[in-house]
Amino acid sequence: MTATWDDFERLELAVGRVVKVEEFPEARNPAWKLTLDFGPRGLRRSSAQITHYAREELLGRQVVAVLGFEPKRVAGFESEVLVLGGISDEHGIVLLCPDREIEDGSPVA
């Protein structure tokens, strides 16, 4: 299947900052409950299967996420955004992050 440019433009990708990391023992697969700050776009929550990152590694980190999806219920938790990462056989999910600090909520092009 080939996506069109219009398909890509319907996705809203933005940089957010992890401001809260909570344990998520109810999840079927190990995950964290994250709260992310997208600046003028507000706070959003996500369930993220990135438990090989310690809480301290995540807190304050900027990440790339997809906004605008319909919220997904994960073990009773409403996940509002999809945090993006590369999938590595050796390292698990490796977060996509800007290589320098930018404004929270910045769009990804």
C-alpha atoms as a PDB file:
ATOM      1  CA  MET A   1       0.000   0.000   0.000  1.00  0.00           C
ATOM      2  CA  THR A   2       1.254   3.462  -0.844  1.00  0.00           C
ATOM      3  CA  ALA A   3       0.335   6.491   1.275  1.00  0.00           C
ATOM      4  CA  THR A   4      -0.387   9.823  -0.340  1.00  0.00           C
ATOM      5  CA  TRP A   5       0.973  13.186   0.720  1.00  0.00           C
ATOM      6  CA  ASP A   6      -2.563  14.008   1.924  1.00  0.00           C
ATOM      7  CA  ASP A   7      -2.448  10.921   4.176  1.00  0.00           C
ATOM      8  CA  PHE A   8       0.775  12.172   5.770  1.00  0.00           C
ATOM      9  CA  GLU A   9      -0.549  15.721   6.201  1.00  0.00           C
ATOM     10  CA  ARG A  10      -3.544  14.406   8.174  1.00  0.00           C
ATOM     11  CA  LEU A  11      -1.145  13.211  10.874  1.00  0.00           C
ATOM     12  CA  GLU A  12      -0.148  15.801  13.453  1.00  0.00           C
ATOM     13  CA  LEU A  13       3.390  15.089  14.668  1.00  0.00           C
ATOM     14  CA  ALA A  14       4.810  17.307  17.401  1.00  0.00           C
ATOM     15  CA  VAL A  15       7.566  17.496  19.995  1.00  0.00           C
ATOM     16  CA  GLY A  16       6.448  17.123  23.603  1.00  0.00           C
ATOM     17  CA  ARG A  17       8.227  16.998  26.935  1.00  0.00           C
ATOM     18  CA  VAL A  18       7.680  14.174  29.421  1.00  0.00           C
ATOM     19  CA  VAL A  19       6.540  15.868  32.641  1.00  0.00           C
ATOM     20  CA  LYS A  20       5.230  12.858  34.564  1.00  0.00           C
ATOM     21  CA  VAL A  21       6.033   9.133  34.546  1.00  0.00           C
ATOM     22  CA  GLU A  22       3.792   6.682  36.419  1.00  0.00           C
ATOM     23  CA  GLU A  23       3.927   2.945  36.857  1.00  0.00           C
ATOM     24  CA  PHE A  24       1.259   0.991  34.983  1.00  0.00           C
ATOM     25  CA  PRO A  25       0.891  -2.429  36.618  1.00  0.00           C
ATOM     26  CA  GLU A  26      -2.563  -2.967  35.049  1.00  0.00           C
ATOM     27  CA  ALA A  27      -1.162  -3.047  31.523  1.00  0.00           C
ATOM     28  CA  ARG A  28      -0.932  -6.457  29.838  1.00  0.00           C
ATOM     29  CA  ASN A  29       2.515  -5.582  28.457  1.00  0.00           C
ATOM     30  CA  PRO A  30       4.975  -3.624  30.621  1.00  0.00           C
ATOM     31  CA  ALA A  31       4.432   0.103  30.066  1.00  0.00           C
ATOM     32  CA  TRP A  32       4.680   3.535  31.646  1.00  0.00           C
ATOM     33  CA  LYS A  33       1.861   6.083  31.903  1.00  0.00           C
ATOM     34  CA  LEU A  34       3.341   9.298  30.541  1.00  0.00           C
ATOM     35  CA  THR A  35       2.086  12.871  30.743  1.00  0.00           C
ATOM     36  CA  LEU A  36       3.551  15.063  28.006  1.00  0.00           C
ATOM     37  CA  ASP A  37       3.565  18.843  27.659  1.00  0.00           C
ATOM     38  CA  PHE A  38       2.964  20.063  24.116  1.00  0.00           C
ATOM     39  CA  GLY A  39       3.207  23.759  25.007  1.00  0.00           C
ATOM     40  CA  PRO A  40       0.263  25.644  23.481  1.00  0.00           C
ATOM     41  CA  ARG A  41      -1.300  22.296  22.489  1.00  0.00           C
ATOM     42  CA  GLY A  42      -1.620  21.363  26.169  1.00  0.00           C
ATOM     43  CA  LEU A  43      -0.929  18.268  28.235  1.00  0.00           C
ATOM     44  CA  ARG A  44      -1.634  14.826  26.773  1.00  0.00           C
ATOM     45  CA  ARG A  45      -1.248  11.319  28.185  1.00  0.00           C
ATOM     46  CA  SER A  46       0.178   8.187  26.643  1.00  0.00           C
ATOM     47  CA  SER A  47       0.720   4.552  27.502  1.00  0.00           C
ATOM     48  CA  ALA A  48       4.218   3.706  26.271  1.00  0.00           C
ATOM     49  CA  GLN A  49       5.902   0.288  26.198  1.00  0.00           C
ATOM     50  CA  ILE A  50       9.347   1.751  26.851  1.00  0.00           C
ATOM     51  CA  THR A  51      10.065   0.242  30.263  1.00  0.00           C
ATOM     52  CA  HIS A  52      13.733  -0.336  29.388  1.00  0.00           C
ATOM     53  CA  TYR A  53      14.019   3.445  29.978  1.00  0.00           C
ATOM     54  CA  ALA A  54      14.222   4.330  33.669  1.00  0.00           C
ATOM     55  CA  ARG A  55      11.797   6.934  34.990  1.00  0.00           C
ATOM     56  CA  GLU A  56      14.727   9.335  35.473  1.00  0.00           C
ATOM     57  CA  GLU A  57      15.738   8.941  31.794  1.00  0.00           C
ATOM     58  CA  LEU A  58      12.234   9.874  30.645  1.00  0.00           C
ATOM     59  CA  LEU A  59      11.362  12.756  32.966  1.00  0.00           C
ATOM     60  CA  GLY A  60      12.131  16.056  31.246  1.00  0.00           C
ATOM     61  CA  ARG A  61      13.023  14.427  27.917  1.00  0.00           C
ATOM     62  CA  GLN A  62      11.608  15.747  24.665  1.00  0.00           C
ATOM     63  CA  VAL A  63      10.052  13.133  22.372  1.00  0.00           C
ATOM     64  CA  VAL A  64       8.205  13.016  19.061  1.00  0.00           C
ATOM     65  CA  ALA A  65       4.561  11.939  19.143  1.00  0.00           C
ATOM     66  CA  VAL A  66       1.498  11.679  16.921  1.00  0.00           C
ATOM     67  CA  LEU A  67      -1.413  13.805  18.108  1.00  0.00           C
ATOM     68  CA  GLY A  68      -4.924  13.687  16.726  1.00  0.00           C
ATOM     69  CA  PHE A  69      -5.596   9.973  16.953  1.00  0.00           C
ATOM     70  CA  GLU A  70      -8.803   8.958  18.641  1.00  0.00           C
ATOM     71  CA  PRO A  71      -7.915   8.138  22.281  1.00  0.00           C
ATOM     72  CA  LYS A  72      -7.207   4.455  22.904  1.00  0.00           C
ATOM     73  CA  ARG A  73      -8.168   2.669  26.105  1.00  0.00           C
ATOM     74  CA  VAL A  74      -5.340   0.590  27.550  1.00  0.00           C
ATOM     75  CA  ALA A  75      -6.283  -1.301  30.735  1.00  0.00           C
ATOM     76  CA  GLY A  76      -8.737   1.464  31.682  1.00  0.00           C
ATOM     77  CA  PHE A  77      -6.247   4.265  30.902  1.00  0.00           C
ATOM     78  CA  GLU A  78      -6.996   6.730  28.077  1.00  0.00           C
ATOM     79  CA  SER A  79      -3.934   7.036  25.856  1.00  0.00           C
ATOM     80  CA  GLU A  80      -4.242  10.239  23.790  1.00  0.00           C
ATOM     81  CA  VAL A  81      -0.992  10.338  21.800  1.00  0.00           C
ATOM     82  CA  LEU A  82       1.413   7.852  20.242  1.00  0.00           C
ATOM     83  CA  VAL A  83       5.029   8.344  21.310  1.00  0.00           C
ATOM     84  CA  LEU A  84       7.305   7.358  18.415  1.00  0.00           C
ATOM     85  CA  GLY A  85      10.445   5.259  18.451  1.00  0.00           C
ATOM     86  CA  GLY A  86      12.547   3.038  16.275  1.00  0.00           C
ATOM     87  CA  ILE A  87      12.239  -0.704  16.887  1.00  0.00           C
ATOM     88  CA  SER A  88      15.550  -2.434  17.530  1.00  0.00           C
ATOM     89  CA  ASP A  89      16.087  -6.154  18.123  1.00  0.00           C
ATOM     90  CA  GLU A  90      18.985  -5.287  20.424  1.00  0.00           C
ATOM     91  CA  HIS A  91      17.606  -2.218  22.242  1.00  0.00           C
ATOM     92  CA  GLY A  92      13.821  -2.494  22.084  1.00  0.00           C
ATOM     93  CA  ILE A  93      12.011   0.737  21.260  1.00  0.00           C
ATOM     94  CA  VAL A  94      14.426   3.663  20.954  1.00  0.00           C
ATOM     95  CA  LEU A  95      12.670   7.003  21.315  1.00  0.00           C
ATOM     96  CA  LEU A  96      12.690   9.561  18.515  1.00  0.00           C
ATOM     97  CA  CYS A  97      13.894  12.872  19.939  1.00  0.00           C
ATOM     98  CA  PRO A  98      15.095  16.216  18.568  1.00  0.00           C
ATOM     99  CA  ASP A  99      18.884  16.502  18.726  1.00  0.00           C
ATOM    100  CA  ARG A 100      18.609  19.872  20.506  1.00  0.00           C
ATOM    101  CA  GLU A 101      16.043  21.568  22.728  1.00  0.00           C
ATOM    102  CA  ILE A 102      13.175  23.220  20.857  1.00  0.00           C
ATOM    103  CA  GLU A 103       9.859  24.699  21.954  1.00  0.00           C
ATOM    104  CA  ASP A 104       7.415  22.151  23.364  1.00  0.00           C
ATOM    105  CA  GLY A 105       4.598  21.660  20.869  1.00  0.00           C
ATOM    106  CA  SER A 106       6.814  22.336  17.838  1.00  0.00           C
ATOM    107  CA  PRO A 107       5.462  20.586  14.727  1.00  0.00           C
ATOM    108  CA  VAL A 108       7.507  17.881  13.031  1.00  0.00           C
ATOM    109  CA  ALA A 109       8.056  18.297   9.298  1.00  0.00           C
END
